[in-house]
């Protein structure tokens, strides 16, 4: 899948906010919050079951979309960090390298 027309919008309200993946009129909204220790932030993009129910168009692309979101969060907000992705649970931990 190409992400040329895809985008990720990150909003902030205090110590948390939204992470929204958009592609061709579709969107998947998750949330993030600041973390502690080596983790900078925790991002939740929803479980497999949530995607099956709410985003069937994206189900087969889950791993790719999760990686794209993680890379965009790092590019936009956490340069120099890396992502640890739990695809099944829908979690992305942004951690210091």
Protein backbone atom coordinates (compact mmCIF):
# COMPACT_ATOMS: atom_id res chain seq x y z
CA UNK A 1 0.00 0.00 0.00
CA UNK A 2 1.26 3.44 -0.86
CA UNK A 3 1.05 6.16 1.74
CA UNK A 4 1.64 9.01 -0.69
CA UNK A 5 -1.77 10.50 0.02
CA UNK A 6 -1.79 9.38 3.66
CA UNK A 7 -1.24 11.70 6.56
CA UNK A 8 -1.06 11.71 10.32
CA UNK A 9 -2.45 14.56 12.39
CA UNK A 10 -1.32 14.86 16.01
CA UNK A 11 -3.21 17.09 18.42
CA UNK A 12 -2.32 17.96 21.99
CA UNK A 13 -4.53 18.81 24.96
CA UNK A 14 -2.36 19.04 28.06
CA UNK A 15 -0.44 15.79 28.55
CA UNK A 16 -2.35 13.83 25.92
CA UNK A 17 -4.14 14.16 22.60
CA UNK A 18 -5.24 12.46 19.41
CA UNK A 19 -3.38 10.70 16.61
CA UNK A 20 -5.39 10.51 13.39
CA UNK A 21 -4.33 8.47 10.36
CA UNK A 22 -6.02 9.62 7.14
CA UNK A 23 -6.06 8.01 3.70
CA UNK A 24 -8.42 8.61 0.77
CA UNK A 25 -11.35 9.83 2.85
CA UNK A 26 -10.90 7.20 5.57
CA UNK A 27 -9.48 7.83 9.02
CA UNK A 28 -8.46 5.93 12.12
CA UNK A 29 -8.39 7.94 15.33
CA UNK A 30 -6.22 6.94 18.24
CA UNK A 31 -4.92 8.71 21.30
CA UNK A 32 -1.56 9.38 22.91
CA UNK A 33 -0.26 10.43 26.31
CA UNK A 34 3.15 11.31 27.70
CA UNK A 35 4.93 8.44 29.44
CA UNK A 36 7.76 8.08 31.94
CA UNK A 37 11.16 6.46 32.13
CA UNK A 38 12.67 5.68 28.74
CA UNK A 39 9.28 6.00 27.08
CA UNK A 40 8.44 9.46 25.73
CA UNK A 41 4.84 8.70 24.77
CA UNK A 42 2.32 5.89 24.47
CA UNK A 43 0.06 5.79 21.42
CA UNK A 44 -3.06 3.61 21.14
CA UNK A 45 -4.51 3.04 17.68
CA UNK A 46 -7.11 0.47 18.77
CA UNK A 47 -7.22 -3.30 18.99
CA UNK A 48 -7.60 -5.74 16.11
CA UNK A 49 -11.27 -6.24 17.09
CA UNK A 50 -11.88 -2.49 16.99
CA UNK A 51 -10.35 -2.25 13.52
CA UNK A 52 -12.40 -5.21 12.28
CA UNK A 53 -15.58 -3.50 13.49
CA UNK A 54 -14.79 0.13 12.67
CA UNK A 55 -12.16 0.07 9.90
CA UNK A 56 -12.61 -3.05 7.74
CA UNK A 57 -10.94 -1.22 4.83
CA UNK A 58 -7.69 -1.19 6.84
CA UNK A 59 -7.65 -4.63 8.44
CA UNK A 60 -5.25 -6.31 6.02
CA UNK A 61 -2.96 -3.26 6.18
CA UNK A 62 -2.77 -3.01 9.97
CA UNK A 63 0.97 -3.67 10.37
CA UNK A 64 1.85 -1.23 7.60
CA UNK A 65 -0.45 1.48 8.94
CA UNK A 66 0.84 1.05 12.50
CA UNK A 67 4.45 1.40 11.24
CA UNK A 68 3.51 4.48 9.19
CA UNK A 69 1.84 6.11 12.21
CA UNK A 70 4.85 5.30 14.41
CA UNK A 71 7.27 6.74 11.86
CA UNK A 72 5.17 9.90 11.50
CA UNK A 73 4.89 10.43 15.26
CA UNK A 74 8.67 10.20 15.49
CA UNK A 75 9.21 12.47 12.48
CA UNK A 76 6.76 15.12 13.71
CA UNK A 77 7.26 15.05 17.48
CA UNK A 78 10.06 12.79 18.70
CA UNK A 79 13.11 13.03 16.44
CA UNK A 80 15.84 10.64 17.51
CA UNK A 81 13.48 8.20 19.21
CA UNK A 82 12.35 4.75 18.10
CA UNK A 83 9.02 2.92 18.17
CA UNK A 84 8.14 -0.35 19.84
CA UNK A 85 4.94 -1.62 18.23
CA UNK A 86 2.48 -4.12 19.71
CA UNK A 87 0.42 -4.74 16.59
CA UNK A 88 -2.11 -7.07 18.23
CA UNK A 89 -2.97 -4.63 21.02
CA UNK A 90 -2.63 -1.54 18.88
CA UNK A 91 0.04 0.09 21.10
CA UNK A 92 3.02 2.13 19.97
CA UNK A 93 5.60 3.07 22.59
CA UNK A 94 7.87 5.92 21.56
CA UNK A 95 11.15 5.41 23.43
CA UNK A 96 14.57 7.02 23.64
CA UNK A 97 17.26 5.27 21.58
